[in-house]
Every structure is written in C-alpha cells, then in structure tokens.
Protein backbone atom coordinates (compact mmCIF):
# COMPACT_ATOMS: atom_id res chain seq x y z
CA MET A 1 99.90 126.14 55.97
CA ARG A 2 100.89 129.66 56.93
CA GLY A 3 101.58 130.55 60.52
CA VAL A 4 100.22 133.47 62.51
CA ASP A 5 103.27 135.62 61.81
CA ASP A 6 103.02 134.92 58.07
CA VAL A 7 99.35 135.96 58.05
CA ALA A 8 100.10 139.14 60.02
CA GLU A 9 102.95 140.03 57.64
CA ALA A 10 100.70 139.46 54.58
CA ASP A 11 97.99 141.68 56.15
CA ARG A 12 100.50 144.46 56.87
CA LYS A 13 101.83 144.28 53.30
CA LEU A 14 98.32 144.39 51.80
CA TYR A 15 97.28 147.30 54.05
CA GLY A 16 100.37 149.27 52.98
CA LEU A 17 99.75 148.64 49.26
CA ILE A 18 96.13 149.83 49.45
CA TYR A 19 97.12 152.83 51.57
CA ARG A 20 99.84 153.90 49.12
CA ASN A 21 97.91 153.00 45.96
CA PRO A 22 94.25 153.85 46.49
CA GLY A 23 93.64 153.70 42.72
CA TRP A 24 94.71 150.04 42.32
CA SER A 25 92.30 147.22 41.74
CA LEU A 26 92.37 144.16 43.93
CA ASP A 27 94.04 142.19 41.13
CA GLU A 28 96.87 144.73 41.00
CA VAL A 29 97.23 144.68 44.79
CA ALA A 30 97.37 140.89 44.83
CA LEU A 31 99.94 140.80 42.01
CA GLU A 32 102.18 143.26 43.80
CA ALA A 33 101.78 141.39 47.09
CA GLY A 34 102.74 138.10 45.40
CA SER A 35 99.51 136.37 46.43
CA SER A 36 96.41 135.08 44.71
CA VAL A 37 93.25 137.17 44.45
CA GLY A 38 91.55 134.79 46.86
CA GLU A 39 94.28 135.30 49.44
CA ALA A 40 94.01 139.06 48.95
CA GLU A 41 90.24 138.91 49.52
CA GLU A 42 90.75 136.95 52.75
CA ALA A 43 93.28 139.51 53.95
CA CYS A 44 90.85 142.35 53.19
CA GLU A 45 88.15 140.60 55.22
CA ARG A 46 90.49 140.25 58.19
CA LEU A 47 91.55 143.89 57.98
CA SER A 48 87.92 144.94 57.66
CA ALA A 49 87.04 142.94 60.78
CA THR A 50 89.64 144.84 62.80
CA GLY A 51 88.44 148.17 61.42
CA LEU A 52 91.63 148.94 59.42
CA LEU A 53 89.74 148.70 56.10
CA ALA A 54 86.31 150.10 55.41
CA PRO A 55 84.14 148.84 52.52
CA SER A 56 83.91 151.42 49.74
CA PRO A 57 81.99 150.55 46.51
CA GLY A 58 83.60 153.53 44.76
CA ALA A 59 87.18 152.38 45.41
CA PRO A 60 88.84 150.25 42.64
CA CYS A 61 89.68 147.44 45.13
CA GLY A 62 86.41 147.84 47.08
CA PHE A 63 88.06 149.11 50.29
CA VAL A 64 89.68 152.24 51.69
CA THR A 65 92.17 152.28 54.55
CA VAL A 66 91.31 153.62 58.01
CA ASP A 67 93.84 155.36 60.27
CA PRO A 68 94.95 152.86 62.96
CA GLU A 69 94.24 155.28 65.82
CA ALA A 70 90.79 155.94 64.45
CA ALA A 71 90.22 152.19 64.10
CA LEU A 72 91.22 151.62 67.74
CA SER A 73 89.00 154.48 68.90
CA ARG A 74 86.04 153.04 67.02
CA LEU A 75 86.80 149.57 68.38
CA PHE A 76 86.90 150.80 71.99
CA SER A 77 83.72 152.80 71.50
CA ALA A 78 81.97 149.75 70.11
CA GLU A 79 83.18 147.57 73.00
CA GLU A 80 82.08 150.18 75.55
CA ARG A 81 78.64 150.21 73.99
CA LEU A 82 78.52 146.42 74.21
CA VAL A 83 79.66 146.45 77.84
CA THR A 84 77.09 149.13 78.73
CA ALA A 85 74.35 147.17 77.01
CA HIS A 86 75.40 143.98 78.85
CA LEU A 87 75.41 145.72 82.23
CA GLN A 88 71.97 147.14 81.53
CA HIS A 89 70.78 143.66 80.63
CA VAL A 90 72.20 142.20 83.85
CA ALA A 91 70.57 145.01 85.87
CA ARG A 92 67.20 144.24 84.30
CA ILE A 93 67.58 140.55 85.15
CA ARG A 94 68.61 141.37 88.73
CA THR A 95 65.57 143.62 89.16
CA ALA A 96 63.30 140.94 87.74
CA ILE A 97 64.70 138.27 90.06
CA SER A 98 64.46 140.56 93.08
CA SER A 99 60.83 141.37 92.35
CA VAL A 100 59.94 137.67 92.00
CA VAL A 101 61.78 136.40 95.10
CA HIS A 102 61.22 139.43 97.34
CA GLY A 103 59.71 137.24 100.05
CA PHE A 104 61.93 134.20 99.50
CA PRO A 105 63.85 134.39 102.83
CA ASP A 106 60.55 134.06 104.70
CA LEU A 107 59.41 131.34 102.29
CA ARG A 108 62.68 129.46 102.78
CA ASP A 109 62.39 129.70 106.55
CA GLU A 110 59.08 127.84 106.36
CA ARG A 111 61.05 124.76 105.27
CA ARG A 112 63.74 125.11 107.92
CA GLU A 113 63.60 123.57 111.35
CA ALA A 114 65.17 125.87 113.94
CA VAL A 115 68.27 124.20 115.43
CA GLU A 116 70.19 125.85 118.25
CA VAL A 117 73.73 124.67 118.98
CA GLU A 118 75.53 125.56 122.21
CA THR A 119 79.29 125.08 122.44
CA LEU A 120 80.45 123.70 125.79
CA GLY A 121 84.19 124.22 125.55
CA THR A 122 85.46 122.47 128.69
CA PRO A 123 84.65 119.25 130.58
CA ALA A 124 83.48 121.35 133.55
CA LEU A 125 80.92 123.14 131.36
CA VAL A 126 79.81 119.82 129.89
CA ASN A 127 79.30 118.24 133.32
CA ALA A 128 77.38 121.25 134.63
CA PHE A 129 75.17 121.25 131.53
CA LEU A 130 74.51 117.50 131.84
CA ASP A 131 73.52 117.92 135.50
CA ASP A 132 71.04 120.65 134.60
CA ALA A 133 69.65 118.73 131.62
CA GLY A 134 69.27 115.59 133.75
CA SER A 135 67.25 117.47 136.35
CA MET A 136 64.88 118.77 133.66
CA VAL A 137 64.43 115.59 131.59
CA ARG A 138 60.75 114.65 131.45
CA SER A 139 60.36 111.16 129.98
CA ARG A 140 63.54 109.42 128.79
CA LEU A 141 67.31 109.61 128.74
CA ARG A 142 69.42 107.58 126.32
CA ALA A 143 73.22 107.44 126.46
CA MET A 144 75.83 105.80 124.26
CA HIS A 145 79.22 105.19 125.91
CA PRO A 146 82.05 104.08 123.61
CA GLY A 147 85.54 103.58 124.95
CA GLY A 148 86.57 102.60 128.44
CA PRO A 149 84.55 102.59 131.68
CA PRO A 150 84.08 105.59 133.99
CA PRO A 151 86.29 105.70 137.10
CA GLU A 152 85.07 103.40 139.85
CA GLU A 153 84.64 106.31 142.26
CA LEU A 154 81.88 107.70 140.00
CA ILE A 155 79.73 104.57 140.15
CA ASP A 156 77.91 105.68 143.31
CA ASP A 157 77.03 109.00 141.69
CA MET A 158 75.77 107.18 138.60
CA LEU A 159 73.60 104.87 140.70
CA LEU A 160 72.22 107.80 142.70
CA ARG A 161 71.39 109.63 139.48
CA ASP A 162 69.67 106.56 138.07
CA GLN A 163 67.68 106.07 141.25
CA GLU A 164 66.57 109.71 141.26
CA MET A 165 65.41 109.48 137.64
CA GLU A 166 63.68 106.17 138.28
CA GLY A 167 61.81 107.88 141.11
CA ARG A 168 60.56 110.50 138.64
CA GLY A 169 59.40 107.85 136.19
CA ILE A 170 62.19 108.57 133.69
CA VAL A 171 63.09 105.72 131.32
CA VAL A 172 66.88 105.42 131.27
CA GLU A 173 68.72 103.51 128.55
CA GLY A 174 72.45 102.94 128.17
CA LEU A 175 74.71 101.42 125.52
CA TYR A 176 78.19 100.24 126.56
CA GLN A 177 81.00 98.38 124.85
CA ARG A 178 81.18 94.69 125.71
CA ARG A 179 84.73 94.90 127.11
CA THR A 180 83.45 97.45 129.64
CA ALA A 181 80.92 94.96 130.97
CA ALA A 182 83.74 92.53 131.79
CA ILE A 183 85.14 94.86 134.46
CA PRO A 184 83.74 93.72 137.85
CA TYR A 185 82.48 97.06 139.15
CA MET A 186 80.90 97.88 135.79
CA ALA A 187 79.34 94.41 135.61
CA ALA A 188 77.67 95.12 138.96
CA TYR A 189 76.45 98.51 137.78
CA LEU A 190 75.12 97.15 134.49
CA ALA A 191 73.36 94.30 136.25
CA ASP A 192 71.58 96.86 138.42
CA ALA A 193 70.73 98.93 135.35
CA ALA A 194 68.99 95.98 133.66
CA ARG A 195 65.74 96.43 135.58
CA PRO A 196 62.16 97.48 134.64
CA GLY A 197 62.05 101.16 133.73
CA LYS A 198 65.70 101.03 132.78
CA GLY A 199 67.60 99.36 129.98
CA VAL A 200 71.19 98.59 129.15
CA ARG A 201 72.83 96.75 126.29
CA VAL A 202 76.38 96.00 125.22
CA ALA A 203 77.98 95.97 121.78
CA GLU A 204 81.40 95.14 120.40
CA TYR A 205 81.69 98.64 118.91
CA LEU A 206 79.90 101.94 119.44
CA PRO A 207 80.66 104.80 117.04
CA LEU A 208 80.00 107.94 119.04
CA ARG A 209 79.55 109.26 122.57
CA MET A 210 76.03 110.65 122.69
CA ILE A 211 73.39 111.57 125.27
CA LEU A 212 69.76 112.21 124.25
CA PHE A 213 67.36 114.01 126.60
CA ASP A 214 63.72 113.49 125.67
CA ASP A 215 63.04 114.38 122.02
CA GLU A 216 64.56 117.84 121.85
CA LEU A 217 68.13 117.83 123.17
CA ALA A 218 71.29 115.96 122.21
CA VAL A 219 74.84 116.30 123.56
CA LEU A 220 77.64 115.23 121.22
CA PRO A 221 81.43 115.62 121.53
CA ILE A 222 83.14 118.39 119.59
CA ASN A 223 85.93 115.93 118.81
CA PRO A 224 84.83 112.28 119.05
CA GLU A 225 88.47 111.29 119.57
CA ASP A 226 89.04 113.65 122.52
CA SER A 227 86.18 114.36 124.93
CA SER A 228 88.34 116.90 126.81
CA GLN A 229 87.67 119.37 123.99
CA GLY A 230 84.07 119.76 125.14
CA ALA A 231 80.73 119.10 123.51
CA PHE A 232 77.91 120.52 121.43
CA ALA A 233 74.44 120.80 122.96
CA ILE A 234 71.96 120.56 120.09
CA HIS A 235 68.35 121.73 120.51
CA GLY A 236 65.91 120.84 117.73
CA LYS A 237 63.26 118.15 117.33
CA GLU A 238 63.98 117.21 113.72
CA LEU A 239 67.73 116.69 114.18
CA VAL A 240 67.32 114.96 117.54
CA ALA A 241 64.74 112.63 115.94
CA SER A 242 67.41 111.56 113.45
CA LEU A 243 69.86 110.92 116.30
CA HIS A 244 67.22 108.81 118.06
CA ALA A 245 66.90 106.75 114.86
CA PHE A 246 70.68 106.29 114.84
CA TYR A 247 70.56 105.27 118.50
CA ASP A 248 67.76 102.79 117.74
CA TYR A 249 69.93 101.15 115.08
CA CYS A 250 72.81 100.71 117.53
CA TRP A 251 70.41 99.53 120.24
CA HIS A 252 68.86 96.80 118.08
CA ASN A 253 72.30 95.56 117.10
CA ALA A 254 73.45 95.32 120.71
CA ALA A 255 72.91 92.49 123.21
CA PRO A 256 70.85 92.86 126.39
CA VAL A 257 72.44 92.58 129.81
CA GLN A 258 70.74 89.94 131.95
CA HIS A 259 69.13 90.75 135.31
CA ALA A 260 71.14 90.04 138.38
CA PRO A 261 70.38 86.56 139.72
CA VAL A 262 67.73 86.34 142.44
CA GLN A 263 69.17 85.81 145.90
CA HIS A 264 68.06 82.73 147.81
CA ALA A 265 66.91 82.64 151.42
CA SER A 266 70.20 81.07 152.50
CA GLU A 267 72.03 84.10 151.12
CA GLN A 268 69.67 86.44 152.96
CA GLN A 269 70.37 84.68 156.20
CA ALA A 270 74.10 84.90 155.58
CA VAL A 271 73.98 88.70 156.06
CA ALA A 272 72.52 89.91 159.34
CA LEU A 273 72.54 93.66 160.06
CA ASP A 274 71.92 95.33 163.37
CA GLY A 275 69.75 98.42 163.72
CA GLN A 276 72.62 100.86 163.39
CA GLU A 277 73.89 99.22 160.20
CA LEU A 278 70.41 99.32 158.64
CA VAL A 279 70.18 103.06 159.38
CA VAL A 280 73.59 103.56 157.77
CA VAL A 281 72.52 101.69 154.65
CA ARG A 282 69.28 103.66 154.30
CA LEU A 283 71.02 107.00 154.72
CA LEU A 284 73.75 106.07 152.25
CA ALA A 285 71.11 105.02 149.72
CA ASP A 286 69.42 108.41 150.15
CA GLY A 287 72.71 110.17 149.35
CA VAL A 288 73.30 111.61 152.83
CA LYS A 289 76.92 112.68 153.36
CA ASP A 290 79.23 110.75 155.69
CA GLU A 291 79.61 113.62 158.17
CA ALA A 292 75.85 114.08 158.48
CA ILE A 293 75.31 110.36 159.09
CA ALA A 294 78.02 110.31 161.75
CA ARG A 295 76.38 113.27 163.54
CA GLN A 296 72.97 111.58 163.46
CA LEU A 297 74.43 108.41 164.94
CA GLY A 298 76.49 110.32 167.50
CA ILE A 299 79.76 108.68 166.43
CA SER A 300 83.04 110.02 165.10
CA PRO A 301 83.79 110.12 161.35
CA ARG A 302 86.57 107.55 161.93
CA THR A 303 84.20 105.14 163.66
CA PHE A 304 81.68 105.66 160.88
CA SER A 305 84.33 104.82 158.23
CA ARG A 306 85.14 101.56 160.08
CA ILE A 307 81.45 100.63 160.16
CA VAL A 308 81.08 101.25 156.42
CA SER A 309 84.25 99.31 155.53
CA ALA A 310 83.16 96.31 157.58
CA LEU A 311 79.69 96.47 156.04
CA LEU A 312 81.07 96.49 152.47
CA ASP A 313 83.25 93.47 153.23
CA ARG A 314 80.34 91.49 154.67
CA LEU A 315 78.15 92.27 151.65
CA GLY A 316 80.89 91.52 149.12
CA VAL A 317 80.60 94.88 147.37
CA LYS A 318 82.97 97.78 146.73
CA THR A 319 80.89 100.94 146.92
CA ARG A 320 78.38 102.29 149.40
CA PHE A 321 75.52 102.58 146.99
CA GLN A 322 76.13 99.03 145.81
CA ALA A 323 75.77 98.03 149.42
CA ALA A 324 72.34 99.65 149.57
CA MET A 325 71.30 97.94 146.36
CA ARG A 326 72.54 94.59 147.67
CA ILE A 327 70.51 94.98 150.86
CA ALA A 328 67.44 95.92 148.81
CA GLU A 329 67.86 92.80 146.65
CA LEU A 330 67.99 90.69 149.79
CA GLY A 331 64.77 92.27 150.98
CA MET A 332 66.29 93.47 154.22
CA LEU A 333 65.00 97.03 153.96
CA ASP A 334 61.34 95.93 153.78
C-alpha cells in the first residue's frame, strides 16, 4: 500500500508528463510513468479534484493541465463563494429565529418567580437585618441552629425577643442540636420555649443555619462553615416555600423538648418575695434597664445589683429574665 508521499510523487510525475506531452494518450502516459492505466486514471481524478487538470474531450488523454496559480485562484474563489453563501444562510436563519422569538424574554419572564437576594457581608449587618425582620414578621418565625449554643449572656435577649413575639401572636419554632440541650442554661431556655404558641425540637445533626420569616423571607449563611462571612437575605415566595419544606423535613425528624415540670405548692412557698423584689422582677421581665429600675426604686446601682444577685440565688437561676419566668411559673406575679 502506497504512502501519502508516494501518491504525491506519482501525481507530480503524471502532471509533468501530461504538461510536457499534451498529445499523448493515457496509455502512453501510464507507460512512461511506470504505472497501470487504472493507477493513471486515479491520479487524473485526484489532480482534477484539486483543479490542476481540467477535463477535455478533445485531448488524447482526456485532460489538459491547468497552471497551478490559476488553479489556486479558482479554488479560493470557489471557497469564498461557499463561505459567502454559508454566511447568507446563517443570516437568514438568524432573522427567522429573531422574528419567531421576538417576544421570548417577556414570555420567559412569565415562568420566572422574582427572587431578590441581599448580601449582608458582616455579622453586624446580619444582626441589624435580623432585628428589623423580627420586628416586621407577621405570623411565624422558624430557625434552625446547628453547631454550639449562643453565649449565655444572650439568653435574656433571646427570651425577651420570644416574649415580644408571643405577645404579637407570632408562632416561633426552633431546631437545635441535641448536645446543645444538655448545657444547663440552654436546657432552661429550651424548656421555656416548649410552650403553646412556641415550639422547639432537638436533633443529633442539623445541616444548615437558617431563619425563615413568614413565607417570603429566608436568611442563610454565605459560608455554612463560617458565619462570620455574613449571610444572604432571600426574598421570594417560591424559593422560601422550598426552604420551608426542607425545614419541615428536619422538624419531623427531630425530637420534641418536654415542658418544664409543674411546680408544686411547697416549691411556691419556698420562695417568698417582698414588694420591692416583686417590682424588680416585673421591671426586669419588661426589659427595663438596671439604671432606670434603680432610679424608680430610689436606690443606688450597687444596691440594685446586690438585690438582683440575691434574688437569682434564691430562685436557683442564672439570668434575670429566667428569674422572671421562674416567678411566673410559680404564679407569684398573679
């Protein structure tokens, strides 16, 4: 089997013989080239395809040679015509498509639910946004809290927020990891959260920090592994509905937290508060600042701190709001 170089050499030899001997027949050309007539015919077909031979019925071998430069010029002209024709064809198709789908962007928008995403790039922005969203929530708030517990000093703020939402008729739900519930101050908070109008459950694993406000707003971390990188605030009913479905799945696979045990009369009698202490508890429960309470009572801030510390010890709690909740459970604010 001949290689490419052998074929090219045979074609060059045949072209030269026909060029120099235009009066030879194909048999004579083949004999001189040292090839069969069939091989000579194949060579002529290849040369004709490149434009170096042109069919000529009047020529003894059936072909005449074409000047190589003229052959190249004809080849380029033919290719340019093909390219021009192809571009014209593409332009016609483009025009046809444009005329058919002229209104497609508007048509496509009909199938798209508008979703607005805000980037909250710092924890401070996230906290400010959550405060605003919490004040505007209308019916329910659902939160998923993977990882460790919040700092103990934030528990009072969390209880105050829950109480404020409960007062507005907001249904509050929370999902926490089980190991979080084993921490004493979190156990007390979760026990308080497991009341009518509120709900809390615990799971061995929770996949994502997430807060859902009503049916239209979700707050998710930019980086689930590092909450310090901020969060996305996502507005859009369709997407938030999917996140609610995801939350439902986690909720149904979590375990409820039991209500705090009911206190007996003997426990109520064990804690006796005077009038001043009851006023302190009520004001603390309402979120009044320490300095303001001290002014109302006509005592110094230091004296007020001693009163609060002694009160917490007697009630067996750690935070001021927990003290108010404990007194409420005992029925001493009625």
